[in-house]
Amino acid sequence: MIENDGYFNICKESDLVENKGKRFIFNDIEIAVFKYNNKIYALNNFCPHQLSSVLYKGFIEDGFITCPLHGWQFNLADGFIKGGKNGVKSYDVKIENGNVFINITEKKYSW
């Protein structure tokens, strides 16, 4: 995987299917990458309920991914659990020349 300004190339945009997740492992971090409404999102793949590595298999609806084992819902944009702030790590994504790049550091918020 190629590094570009702190971002790592994880796949081609064409490898992703609308409303589906795909799992990638990078530097021992499991990342779930989703394509929803023609945007790409990246979250840590582990549901915190029982540390199950399954979020990439979840159901996407209204901008949330639902854990297929426990039903917990996480916002694709920020990883927050539905109705709260805690959840899973989310990662910045950028697309360049049809390639998906992910910054595996946590997003920084300004509040």
PDB file of N, CA and C in Angstrom:
ATOM      1  N   MET A   1       0.839  -1.172   0.000  1.00  0.00           N
ATOM      2  CA  MET A   1       0.000   0.000   0.000  1.00  0.00           C
ATOM      3  C   MET A   1       0.885   1.235   0.000  1.00  0.00           C
ATOM      4  N   ILE A   2       0.536   2.175  -0.805  1.00  0.00           N
ATOM      5  CA  ILE A   2       1.360   3.357  -1.021  1.00  0.00           C
ATOM      6  C   ILE A   2       0.913   4.490  -0.108  1.00  0.00           C
ATOM      7  N   GLU A   3       1.883   5.155   0.525  1.00  0.00           N
ATOM      8  CA  GLU A   3       1.575   6.299   1.380  1.00  0.00           C
ATOM      9  C   GLU A   3       1.583   7.568   0.546  1.00  0.00           C
ATOM     10  N   ASN A   4       0.611   8.453   0.832  1.00  0.00           N
ATOM     11  CA  ASN A   4       0.499   9.723   0.137  1.00  0.00           C
ATOM     12  C   ASN A   4       0.095  10.767   1.166  1.00  0.00           C
ATOM     13  N   ASP A   5       1.064  11.547   1.676  1.00  0.00           N
ATOM     14  CA  ASP A   5       0.775  12.621   2.625  1.00  0.00           C
ATOM     15  C   ASP A   5       0.050  12.112   3.873  1.00  0.00           C
ATOM     16  N   GLY A   6       0.501  10.985   4.436  1.00  0.00           N
ATOM     17  CA  GLY A   6      -0.125  10.430   5.630  1.00  0.00           C
ATOM     18  C   GLY A   6      -1.291   9.511   5.339  1.00  0.00           C
ATOM     19  N   TYR A   7      -1.713   9.446   4.115  1.00  0.00           N
ATOM     20  CA  TYR A   7      -2.810   8.574   3.691  1.00  0.00           C
ATOM     21  C   TYR A   7      -2.229   7.347   2.995  1.00  0.00           C
ATOM     22  N   PHE A   8      -2.880   6.216   3.190  1.00  0.00           N
ATOM     23  CA  PHE A   8      -2.436   4.975   2.572  1.00  0.00           C
ATOM     24  C   PHE A   8      -3.478   4.491   1.580  1.00  0.00           C
ATOM     25  N   ASN A   9      -3.011   4.082   0.418  1.00  0.00           N
ATOM     26  CA  ASN A   9      -3.906   3.548  -0.609  1.00  0.00           C
ATOM     27  C   ASN A   9      -4.391   2.176  -0.164  1.00  0.00           C
ATOM     28  N   ILE A  10      -5.698   2.045  -0.010  1.00  0.00           N
ATOM     29  CA  ILE A  10      -6.253   0.797   0.501  1.00  0.00           C
ATOM     30  C   ILE A  10      -6.922  -0.031  -0.588  1.00  0.00           C
ATOM     31  N   CYS A  11      -7.461   0.640  -1.628  1.00  0.00           N
ATOM     32  CA  CYS A  11      -8.100  -0.083  -2.732  1.00  0.00           C
ATOM     33  C   CYS A  11      -8.432   0.900  -3.848  1.00  0.00           C
ATOM     34  N   LYS A  12      -8.972   0.386  -4.896  1.00  0.00           N
ATOM     35  CA  LYS A  12      -9.510   1.227  -5.967  1.00  0.00           C
ATOM     36  C   LYS A  12     -10.979   1.506  -5.648  1.00  0.00           C
ATOM     37  N   GLU A  13     -11.446   2.673  -6.016  1.00  0.00           N
ATOM     38  CA  GLU A  13     -12.847   3.015  -5.782  1.00  0.00           C
ATOM     39  C   GLU A  13     -13.763   2.008  -6.470  1.00  0.00           C
ATOM     40  N   SER A  14     -13.347   1.499  -7.611  1.00  0.00           N
ATOM     41  CA  SER A  14     -14.156   0.526  -8.358  1.00  0.00           C
ATOM     42  C   SER A  14     -14.257  -0.826  -7.652  1.00  0.00           C
ATOM     43  N   ASP A  15     -13.410  -1.072  -6.629  1.00  0.00           N
ATOM     44  CA  ASP A  15     -13.489  -2.312  -5.846  1.00  0.00           C
ATOM     45  C   ASP A  15     -14.656  -2.295  -4.866  1.00  0.00           C
ATOM     46  N   LEU A  16     -15.223  -1.126  -4.619  1.00  0.00           N
ATOM     47  CA  LEU A  16     -16.288  -0.978  -3.627  1.00  0.00           C
ATOM     48  C   LEU A  16     -17.651  -0.973  -4.301  1.00  0.00           C
ATOM     49  N   VAL A  17     -18.615  -1.601  -3.630  1.00  0.00           N
ATOM     50  CA  VAL A  17     -19.976  -1.725  -4.141  1.00  0.00           C
ATOM     51  C   VAL A  17     -20.894  -0.849  -3.295  1.00  0.00           C
ATOM     52  N   GLU A  18     -21.783  -0.112  -3.939  1.00  0.00           N
ATOM     53  CA  GLU A  18     -22.737   0.762  -3.238  1.00  0.00           C
ATOM     54  C   GLU A  18     -23.519  -0.033  -2.192  1.00  0.00           C
ATOM     55  N   ASN A  19     -23.644   0.540  -0.988  1.00  0.00           N
ATOM     56  CA  ASN A  19     -24.386  -0.033   0.142  1.00  0.00           C
ATOM     57  C   ASN A  19     -23.797  -1.336   0.667  1.00  0.00           C
ATOM     58  N   LYS A  20     -22.507  -1.540   0.442  1.00  0.00           N
ATOM     59  CA  LYS A  20     -21.823  -2.735   0.952  1.00  0.00           C
ATOM     60  C   LYS A  20     -20.527  -2.310   1.629  1.00  0.00           C
ATOM     61  N   GLY A  21     -20.082  -3.146   2.561  1.00  0.00           N
ATOM     62  CA  GLY A  21     -18.810  -2.913   3.218  1.00  0.00           C
ATOM     63  C   GLY A  21     -17.764  -3.900   2.742  1.00  0.00           C
ATOM     64  N   LYS A  22     -16.520  -3.535   2.956  1.00  0.00           N
ATOM     65  CA  LYS A  22     -15.404  -4.407   2.616  1.00  0.00           C
ATOM     66  C   LYS A  22     -14.355  -4.259   3.712  1.00  0.00           C
ATOM     67  N   ARG A  23     -13.767  -5.377   4.111  1.00  0.00           N
ATOM     68  CA  ARG A  23     -12.790  -5.366   5.203  1.00  0.00           C
ATOM     69  C   ARG A  23     -11.371  -5.327   4.647  1.00  0.00           C
ATOM     70  N   PHE A  24     -10.543  -4.500   5.294  1.00  0.00           N
ATOM     71  CA  PHE A  24      -9.125  -4.410   4.973  1.00  0.00           C
ATOM     72  C   PHE A  24      -8.348  -4.462   6.278  1.00  0.00           C
ATOM     73  N   ILE A  25      -7.174  -5.040   6.240  1.00  0.00           N
ATOM     74  CA  ILE A  25      -6.293  -5.055   7.409  1.00  0.00           C
ATOM     75  C   ILE A  25      -5.022  -4.315   7.022  1.00  0.00           C
ATOM     76  N   PHE A  26      -4.721  -3.287   7.801  1.00  0.00           N
ATOM     77  CA  PHE A  26      -3.549  -2.470   7.518  1.00  0.00           C
ATOM     78  C   PHE A  26      -2.847  -2.156   8.830  1.00  0.00           C
ATOM     79  N   ASN A  27      -1.551  -2.473   8.932  1.00  0.00           N
ATOM     80  CA  ASN A  27      -0.791  -2.257  10.177  1.00  0.00           C
ATOM     81  C   ASN A  27      -1.517  -2.841  11.383  1.00  0.00           C
ATOM     82  N   ASP A  28      -2.053  -4.047  11.237  1.00  0.00           N
ATOM     83  CA  ASP A  28      -2.792  -4.759  12.291  1.00  0.00           C
ATOM     84  C   ASP A  28      -4.076  -4.053  12.714  1.00  0.00           C
ATOM     85  N   ILE A  29      -4.564  -3.138  11.906  1.00  0.00           N
ATOM     86  CA  ILE A  29      -5.837  -2.463  12.173  1.00  0.00           C
ATOM     87  C   ILE A  29      -6.854  -2.965  11.159  1.00  0.00           C
ATOM     88  N   GLU A  30      -7.989  -3.454  11.663  1.00  0.00           N
ATOM     89  CA  GLU A  30      -9.066  -3.866  10.758  1.00  0.00           C
ATOM     90  C   GLU A  30      -9.930  -2.659  10.450  1.00  0.00           C
ATOM     91  N   ILE A  31     -10.083  -2.390   9.172  1.00  0.00           N
ATOM     92  CA  ILE A  31     -10.843  -1.231   8.719  1.00  0.00           C
ATOM     93  C   ILE A  31     -12.000  -1.707   7.854  1.00  0.00           C
ATOM     94  N   ALA A  32     -13.188  -1.204   8.151  1.00  0.00           N
ATOM     95  CA  ALA A  32     -14.370  -1.471   7.331  1.00  0.00           C
ATOM     96  C   ALA A  32     -14.579  -0.257   6.436  1.00  0.00           C
ATOM     97  N   VAL A  33     -14.599  -0.484   5.136  1.00  0.00           N
ATOM     98  CA  VAL A  33     -14.768   0.602   4.170  1.00  0.00           C
ATOM     99  C   VAL A  33     -16.114   0.421   3.488  1.00  0.00           C
ATOM    100  N   PHE A  34     -16.873   1.505   3.422  1.00  0.00           N
ATOM    101  CA  PHE A  34     -18.229   1.464   2.886  1.00  0.00           C
ATOM    102  C   PHE A  34     -18.403   2.490   1.778  1.00  0.00           C
ATOM    103  N   LYS A  35     -19.230   2.131   0.814  1.00  0.00           N
ATOM    104  CA  LYS A  35     -19.661   3.091  -0.204  1.00  0.00           C
ATOM    105  C   LYS A  35     -21.156   3.289   0.003  1.00  0.00           C
ATOM    106  N   TYR A  36     -21.535   4.533   0.279  1.00  0.00           N
ATOM    107  CA  TYR A  36     -22.942   4.854   0.546  1.00  0.00           C
ATOM    108  C   TYR A  36     -23.243   6.211  -0.075  1.00  0.00           C
ATOM    109  N   ASN A  37     -24.278   6.281  -0.882  1.00  0.00           N
ATOM    110  CA  ASN A  37     -24.636   7.517  -1.590  1.00  0.00           C
ATOM    111  C   ASN A  37     -23.437   8.093  -2.347  1.00  0.00           C
ATOM    112  N   ASN A  38     -22.691   7.203  -2.984  1.00  0.00           N
ATOM    113  CA  ASN A  38     -21.519   7.558  -3.791  1.00  0.00           C
ATOM    114  C   ASN A  38     -20.407   8.250  -3.005  1.00  0.00           C
ATOM    115  N   LYS A  39     -20.388   8.077  -1.685  1.00  0.00           N
ATOM    116  CA  LYS A  39     -19.291   8.565  -0.852  1.00  0.00           C
ATOM    117  C   LYS A  39     -18.634   7.360  -0.194  1.00  0.00           C
ATOM    118  N   ILE A  40     -17.371   7.508   0.165  1.00  0.00           N
ATOM    119  CA  ILE A  40     -16.617   6.434   0.795  1.00  0.00           C
ATOM    120  C   ILE A  40     -16.379   6.793   2.265  1.00  0.00           C
ATOM    121  N   TYR A  41     -16.617   5.820   3.143  1.00  0.00           N
ATOM    122  CA  TYR A  41     -16.435   5.986   4.582  1.00  0.00           C
ATOM    123  C   TYR A  41     -15.550   4.864   5.101  1.00  0.00           C
ATOM    124  N   ALA A  42     -14.808   5.134   6.166  1.00  0.00           N
ATOM    125  CA  ALA A  42     -13.952   4.115   6.772  1.00  0.00           C
ATOM    126  C   ALA A  42     -14.092   4.165   8.291  1.00  0.00           C
ATOM    127  N   LEU A  43     -14.363   3.001   8.873  1.00  0.00           N
ATOM    128  CA  LEU A  43     -14.511   2.855  10.316  1.00  0.00           C
ATOM    129  C   LEU A  43     -13.658   1.689  10.791  1.00  0.00           C
ATOM    130  N   ASN A  44     -13.320   1.704  12.079  1.00  0.00           N
ATOM    131  CA  ASN A  44     -12.718   0.517  12.658  1.00  0.00           C
ATOM    132  C   ASN A  44     -13.741  -0.605  12.554  1.00  0.00           C
ATOM    133  N   ASN A  45     -13.314  -1.795  12.216  1.00  0.00           N
ATOM    134  CA  ASN A  45     -14.221  -2.904  11.918  1.00  0.00           C
ATOM    135  C   ASN A  45     -14.768  -3.608  13.152  1.00  0.00           C
ATOM    136  N   PHE A  46     -14.311  -3.274  14.356  1.00  0.00           N
ATOM    137  CA  PHE A  46     -14.730  -3.984  15.560  1.00  0.00           C
ATOM    138  C   PHE A  46     -15.910  -3.308  16.245  1.00  0.00           C
ATOM    139  N   CYS A  47     -17.016  -4.036  16.383  1.00  0.00           N
ATOM    140  CA  CYS A  47     -18.143  -3.551  17.186  1.00  0.00           C
ATOM    141  C   CYS A  47     -17.701  -3.612  18.647  1.00  0.00           C
ATOM    142  N   PRO A  48     -17.829  -2.527  19.415  1.00  0.00           N
ATOM    143  CA  PRO A  48     -17.348  -2.520  20.796  1.00  0.00           C
ATOM    144  C   PRO A  48     -18.173  -3.381  21.748  1.00  0.00           C
ATOM    145  N   HIS A  49     -19.339  -3.832  21.339  1.00  0.00           N
ATOM    146  CA  HIS A  49     -20.188  -4.623  22.223  1.00  0.00           C
ATOM    147  C   HIS A  49     -19.474  -5.879  22.703  1.00  0.00           C
ATOM    148  N   GLN A  50     -18.942  -6.657  21.780  1.00  0.00           N
ATOM    149  CA  GLN A  50     -18.178  -7.854  22.152  1.00  0.00           C
ATOM    150  C   GLN A  50     -16.893  -7.953  21.334  1.00  0.00           C
ATOM    151  N   LEU A  51     -16.404  -6.821  20.872  1.00  0.00           N
ATOM    152  CA  LEU A  51     -15.208  -6.746  20.029  1.00  0.00           C
ATOM    153  C   LEU A  51     -15.272  -7.724  18.862  1.00  0.00           C
ATOM    154  N   SER A  52     -16.417  -7.765  18.239  1.00  0.00           N
ATOM    155  CA  SER A  52     -16.622  -8.632  17.081  1.00  0.00           C
ATOM    156  C   SER A  52     -16.188  -7.914  15.810  1.00  0.00           C
ATOM    157  N   SER A  53     -15.422  -8.606  14.997  1.00  0.00           N
ATOM    158  CA  SER A  53     -14.876  -8.048  13.759  1.00  0.00           C
ATOM    159  C   SER A  53     -15.860  -8.258  12.610  1.00  0.00           C
ATOM    160  N   VAL A  54     -16.982  -7.521  12.650  1.00  0.00           N
ATOM    161  CA  VAL A  54     -18.073  -7.812  11.709  1.00  0.00           C
ATOM    162  C   VAL A  54     -18.734  -6.593  11.082  1.00  0.00           C
ATOM    163  N   LEU A  55     -18.325  -5.396  11.416  1.00  0.00           N
ATOM    164  CA  LEU A  55     -19.077  -4.238  10.930  1.00  0.00           C
ATOM    165  C   LEU A  55     -19.156  -4.184   9.410  1.00  0.00           C
ATOM    166  N   TYR A  56     -18.123  -4.656   8.720  1.00  0.00           N
ATOM    167  CA  TYR A  56     -18.143  -4.615   7.251  1.00  0.00           C
ATOM    168  C   TYR A  56     -19.279  -5.449   6.672  1.00  0.00           C
ATOM    169  N   LYS A  57     -19.816  -6.390   7.454  1.00  0.00           N
ATOM    170  CA  LYS A  57     -20.928  -7.236   7.008  1.00  0.00           C
ATOM    171  C   LYS A  57     -22.288  -6.623   7.324  1.00  0.00           C
ATOM    172  N   GLY A  58     -22.300  -5.479   7.992  1.00  0.00           N
ATOM    173  CA  GLY A  58     -23.543  -4.883   8.460  1.00  0.00           C
ATOM    174  C   GLY A  58     -24.431  -4.325   7.364  1.00  0.00           C
ATOM    175  N   PHE A  59     -25.623  -3.930   7.782  1.00  0.00           N
ATOM    176  CA  PHE A  59     -26.651  -3.375   6.904  1.00  0.00           C
ATOM    177  C   PHE A  59     -26.588  -1.854   6.982  1.00  0.00           C
ATOM    178  N   ILE A  60     -26.543  -1.195   5.834  1.00  0.00           N
ATOM    179  CA  ILE A  60     -26.473   0.267   5.776  1.00  0.00           C
ATOM    180  C   ILE A  60     -27.856   0.844   5.502  1.00  0.00           C
ATOM    181  N   GLU A  61     -28.237   1.814   6.346  1.00  0.00           N
ATOM    182  CA  GLU A  61     -29.506   2.507   6.135  1.00  0.00           C
ATOM    183  C   GLU A  61     -29.420   3.899   6.750  1.00  0.00           C
ATOM    184  N   ASP A  62     -29.847   4.899   6.008  1.00  0.00           N
ATOM    185  CA  ASP A  62     -29.902   6.287   6.489  1.00  0.00           C
ATOM    186  C   ASP A  62     -28.574   6.772   7.069  1.00  0.00           C
ATOM    187  N   GLY A  63     -27.462   6.353   6.472  1.00  0.00           N
ATOM    188  CA  GLY A  63     -26.157   6.822   6.916  1.00  0.00           C
ATOM    189  C   GLY A  63     -25.594   6.104   8.123  1.00  0.00           C
ATOM    190  N   PHE A  64     -26.213   5.005   8.535  1.00  0.00           N
ATOM    191  CA  PHE A  64     -25.742   4.217   9.671  1.00  0.00           C
ATOM    192  C   PHE A  64     -25.457   2.787   9.237  1.00  0.00           C
ATOM    193  N   ILE A  65     -24.426   2.201   9.837  1.00  0.00           N
ATOM    194  CA  ILE A  65     -24.141   0.780   9.651  1.00  0.00           C
ATOM    195  C   ILE A  65     -24.640   0.061  10.903  1.00  0.00           C
ATOM    196  N   THR A  66     -25.378  -1.025  10.700  1.00  0.00           N
ATOM    197  CA  THR A  66     -25.915  -1.810  11.808  1.00  0.00           C
ATOM    198  C   THR A  66     -25.085  -3.071  11.978  1.00  0.00           C
ATOM    199  N   CYS A  67     -24.581  -3.304  13.183  1.00  0.00           N
ATOM    200  CA  CYS A  67     -23.818  -4.516  13.470  1.00  0.00           C
ATOM    201  C   CYS A  67     -24.716  -5.723  13.218  1.00  0.00           C
ATOM    202  N   PRO A  68     -24.266  -6.689  12.415  1.00  0.00           N
ATOM    203  CA  PRO A  68     -25.106  -7.839  12.104  1.00  0.00           C
ATOM    204  C   PRO A  68     -25.298  -8.794  13.280  1.00  0.00           C
ATOM    205  N   LEU A  69     -24.492  -8.669  14.328  1.00  0.00           N
ATOM    206  CA  LEU A  69     -24.621  -9.564  15.482  1.00  0.00           C
ATOM    207  C   LEU A  69     -25.470  -8.990  16.601  1.00  0.00           C
ATOM    208  N   HIS A  70     -25.340  -7.693  16.842  1.00  0.00           N
ATOM    209  CA  HIS A  70     -25.952  -7.112  18.032  1.00  0.00           C
ATOM    210  C   HIS A  70     -26.962  -6.010  17.751  1.00  0.00           C
ATOM    211  N   GLY A  71     -26.985  -5.512  16.521  1.00  0.00           N
ATOM    212  CA  GLY A  71     -27.949  -4.478  16.163  1.00  0.00           C
ATOM    213  C   GLY A  71     -27.532  -3.064  16.519  1.00  0.00           C
ATOM    214  N   TRP A  72     -26.349  -2.881  17.096  1.00  0.00           N
ATOM    215  CA  TRP A  72     -25.901  -1.521  17.385  1.00  0.00           C
ATOM    216  C   TRP A  72     -25.691  -0.791  16.068  1.00  0.00           C
ATOM    217  N   GLN A  73     -25.977   0.516  16.055  1.00  0.00           N
ATOM    218  CA  GLN A  73     -25.864   1.308  14.834  1.00  0.00           C
ATOM    219  C   GLN A  73     -24.829   2.414  15.013  1.00  0.00           C
ATOM    220  N   PHE A  74     -23.991   2.578  13.970  1.00  0.00           N
ATOM    221  CA  PHE A  74     -22.913   3.557  14.003  1.00  0.00           C
ATOM    222  C   PHE A  74     -23.010   4.463  12.787  1.00  0.00           C
ATOM    223  N   ASN A  75     -22.822   5.760  13.031  1.00  0.00           N
ATOM    224  CA  ASN A  75     -22.854   6.741  11.956  1.00  0.00           C
ATOM    225  C   ASN A  75     -21.640   6.536  11.053  1.00  0.00           C
ATOM    226  N   LEU A  76     -21.875   6.399   9.759  1.00  0.00           N
ATOM    227  CA  LEU A  76     -20.771   6.197   8.825  1.00  0.00           C
ATOM    228  C   LEU A  76     -19.815   7.385   8.800  1.00  0.00           C
ATOM    229  N   ALA A  77     -20.326   8.581   9.005  1.00  0.00           N
ATOM    230  CA  ALA A  77     -19.507   9.790   8.887  1.00  0.00           C
ATOM    231  C   ALA A  77     -18.545   9.994  10.055  1.00  0.00           C
ATOM    232  N   ASP A  78     -18.945   9.600  11.267  1.00  0.00           N
ATOM    233  CA  ASP A  78     -18.091   9.874  12.429  1.00  0.00           C
ATOM    234  C   ASP A  78     -17.891   8.688  13.368  1.00  0.00           C
ATOM    235  N   GLY A  79     -18.575   7.569  13.131  1.00  0.00           N
ATOM    236  CA  GLY A  79     -18.420   6.384  13.963  1.00  0.00           C
ATOM    237  C   GLY A  79     -19.221   6.402  15.249  1.00  0.00           C
ATOM    238  N   PHE A  80     -19.915   7.525  15.538  1.00  0.00           N
ATOM    239  CA  PHE A  80     -20.680   7.613  16.781  1.00  0.00           C
ATOM    240  C   PHE A  80     -21.850   6.637  16.766  1.00  0.00           C
ATOM    241  N   ILE A  81     -22.135   6.074  17.938  1.00  0.00           N
ATOM    242  CA  ILE A  81     -23.278   5.183  18.064  1.00  0.00           C
ATOM    243  C   ILE A  81     -24.551   6.015  17.929  1.00  0.00           C
ATOM    244  N   LYS A  82     -25.566   5.437  17.343  1.00  0.00           N
ATOM    245  CA  LYS A  82     -26.814   6.177  17.129  1.00  0.00           C
ATOM    246  C   LYS A  82     -27.363   6.648  18.472  1.00  0.00           C
ATOM    247  N   GLY A  83     -27.600   7.955  18.582  1.00  0.00           N
ATOM    248  CA  GLY A  83     -28.124   8.539  19.807  1.00  0.00           C
ATOM    249  C   GLY A  83     -27.053   8.885  20.833  1.00  0.00           C
ATOM    250  N   GLY A  84     -25.777   8.751  20.487  1.00  0.00           N
ATOM    251  CA  GLY A  84     -24.713   9.044  21.439  1.00  0.00           C
ATOM    252  C   GLY A  84     -23.449   9.498  20.752  1.00  0.00           C
ATOM    253  N   LYS A  85     -22.387   9.632  21.540  1.00  0.00           N
ATOM    254  CA  LYS A  85     -21.119  10.088  20.979  1.00  0.00           C
ATOM    255  C   LYS A  85     -20.089   8.974  20.900  1.00  0.00           C
ATOM    256  N   ASN A  86     -20.111   8.044  21.820  1.00  0.00           N
ATOM    257  CA  ASN A  86     -19.128   6.967  21.781  1.00  0.00           C
ATOM    258  C   ASN A  86     -19.468   6.014  20.658  1.00  0.00           C
ATOM    259  N   GLY A  87     -18.503   5.304  20.178  1.00  0.00           N
ATOM    260  CA  GLY A  87     -18.750   4.368  19.091  1.00  0.00           C
ATOM    261  C   GLY A  87     -17.467   3.715  18.647  1.00  0.00           C
ATOM    262  N   VAL A  88     -17.165   3.826  17.355  1.00  0.00           N
ATOM    263  CA  VAL A  88     -15.950   3.252  16.786  1.00  0.00           C
ATOM    264  C   VAL A  88     -15.137   4.364  16.123  1.00  0.00           C
ATOM    265  N   LYS A  89     -13.857   4.122  15.965  1.00  0.00           N
ATOM    266  CA  LYS A  89     -12.996   5.103  15.305  1.00  0.00           C
ATOM    267  C   LYS A  89     -13.423   5.258  13.853  1.00  0.00           C
ATOM    268  N   SER A  90     -13.369   6.488  13.387  1.00  0.00           N
ATOM    269  CA  SER A  90     -13.585   6.742  11.961  1.00  0.00           C
ATOM    270  C   SER A  90     -12.291   7.327  11.401  1.00  0.00           C
ATOM    271  N   TYR A  91     -12.098   7.140  10.121  1.00  0.00           N
ATOM    272  CA  TYR A  91     -10.860   7.549   9.473  1.00  0.00           C
ATOM    273  C   TYR A  91     -11.156   8.453   8.287  1.00  0.00           C
ATOM    274  N   ASP A  92     -10.310   9.457   8.102  1.00  0.00           N
ATOM    275  CA  ASP A  92     -10.443  10.342   6.946  1.00  0.00           C
ATOM    276  C   ASP A  92     -10.153   9.564   5.671  1.00  0.00           C
ATOM    277  N   VAL A  93     -10.932   9.873   4.639  1.00  0.00           N
ATOM    278  CA  VAL A  93     -10.814   9.206   3.343  1.00  0.00           C
ATOM    279  C   VAL A  93     -10.657  10.268   2.268  1.00  0.00           C
ATOM    280  N   LYS A  94      -9.822   9.985   1.289  1.00  0.00           N
ATOM    281  CA  LYS A  94      -9.785  10.833   0.104  1.00  0.00           C
ATOM    282  C   LYS A  94      -9.623   9.935  -1.120  1.00  0.00           C
ATOM    283  N   ILE A  95     -10.135  10.434  -2.239  1.00  0.00           N
ATOM    284  CA  ILE A  95     -10.076   9.709  -3.507  1.00  0.00           C
ATOM    285  C   ILE A  95      -9.175  10.495  -4.449  1.00  0.00           C
ATOM    286  N   GLU A  96      -8.213   9.810  -5.044  1.00  0.00           N
ATOM    287  CA  GLU A  96      -7.338  10.428  -6.042  1.00  0.00           C
ATOM    288  C   GLU A  96      -7.139   9.455  -7.188  1.00  0.00           C
ATOM    289  N   ASN A  97      -7.447   9.904  -8.383  1.00  0.00           N
ATOM    290  CA  ASN A  97      -7.264   9.088  -9.588  1.00  0.00           C
ATOM    291  C   ASN A  97      -7.894   7.706  -9.461  1.00  0.00           C
ATOM    292  N   GLY A  98      -9.069   7.653  -8.839  1.00  0.00           N
ATOM    293  CA  GLY A  98      -9.786   6.390  -8.704  1.00  0.00           C
ATOM    294  C   GLY A  98      -9.285   5.489  -7.595  1.00  0.00           C
ATOM    295  N   ASN A  99      -8.324   5.965  -6.800  1.00  0.00           N
ATOM    296  CA  ASN A  99      -7.795   5.192  -5.678  1.00  0.00           C
ATOM    297  C   ASN A  99      -8.322   5.745  -4.365  1.00  0.00           C
ATOM    298  N   VAL A 100      -8.613   4.849  -3.416  1.00  0.00           N
ATOM    299  CA  VAL A 100      -9.108   5.227  -2.094  1.00  0.00           C
ATOM    300  C   VAL A 100      -7.923   5.262  -1.132  1.00  0.00           C
ATOM    301  N   PHE A 101      -7.726   6.412  -0.504  1.00  0.00           N
ATOM    302  CA  PHE A 101      -6.667   6.600   0.480  1.00  0.00           C
ATOM    303  C   PHE A 101      -7.307   6.837   1.846  1.00  0.00           C
ATOM    304  N   ILE A 102      -6.736   6.204   2.875  1.00  0.00           N
ATOM    305  CA  ILE A 102      -7.255   6.334   4.235  1.00  0.00           C
ATOM    306  C   ILE A 102      -6.122   6.758   5.158  1.00  0.00           C
ATOM    307  N   ASN A 103      -6.424   7.741   6.020  1.00  0.00           N
ATOM    308  CA  ASN A 103      -5.496   8.151   7.060  1.00  0.00           C
ATOM    309  C   ASN A 103      -5.875   7.359   8.303  1.00  0.00           C
ATOM    310  N   ILE A 104      -4.992   6.468   8.761  1.00  0.00           N
ATOM    311  CA  ILE A 104      -5.376   5.558   9.842  1.00  0.00           C
ATOM    312  C   ILE A 104      -5.270   6.170  11.234  1.00  0.00           C
ATOM    313  N   THR A 105      -4.957   7.453  11.324  1.00  0.00           N
ATOM    314  CA  THR A 105      -5.040   8.114  12.623  1.00  0.00           C
ATOM    315  C   THR A 105      -6.496   8.508  12.847  1.00  0.00           C
ATOM    316  N   GLU A 106      -6.872   8.696  14.107  1.00  0.00           N
ATOM    317  CA  GLU A 106      -8.250   9.090  14.404  1.00  0.00           C
ATOM    318  C   GLU A 106      -8.537  10.471  13.848  1.00  0.00           C
ATOM    319  N   LYS A 107      -9.792  10.670  13.437  1.00  0.00           N
ATOM    320  CA  LYS A 107     -10.218  12.012  13.035  1.00  0.00           C
ATOM    321  C   LYS A 107     -10.130  12.935  14.239  1.00  0.00           C
ATOM    322  N   LYS A 108      -9.772  14.156  13.991  1.00  0.00           N
ATOM    323  CA  LYS A 108      -9.715  15.162  15.050  1.00  0.00           C
ATOM    324  C   LYS A 108     -10.948  16.053  14.950  1.00  0.00           C
ATOM    325  N   TYR A 109     -11.594  16.284  16.075  1.00  0.00           N
ATOM    326  CA  TYR A 109     -12.785  17.125  16.106  1.00  0.00           C
ATOM    327  C   TYR A 109     -12.458  18.425  16.825  1.00  0.00           C
ATOM    328  N   SER A 110     -13.158  19.482  16.484  1.00  0.00           N
ATOM    329  CA  SER A 110     -12.815  20.803  17.004  1.00  0.00           C
ATOM    330  C   SER A 110     -13.685  21.258  18.169  1.00  0.00           C
ATOM    331  N   TRP A 111     -14.440  20.386  18.781  1.00  0.00           N
ATOM    332  CA  TRP A 111     -15.254  20.851  19.911  1.00  0.00           C
ATOM    333  C   TRP A 111     -14.541  20.713  21.210  1.00  0.00           C
TER     334      TRP A 111
END
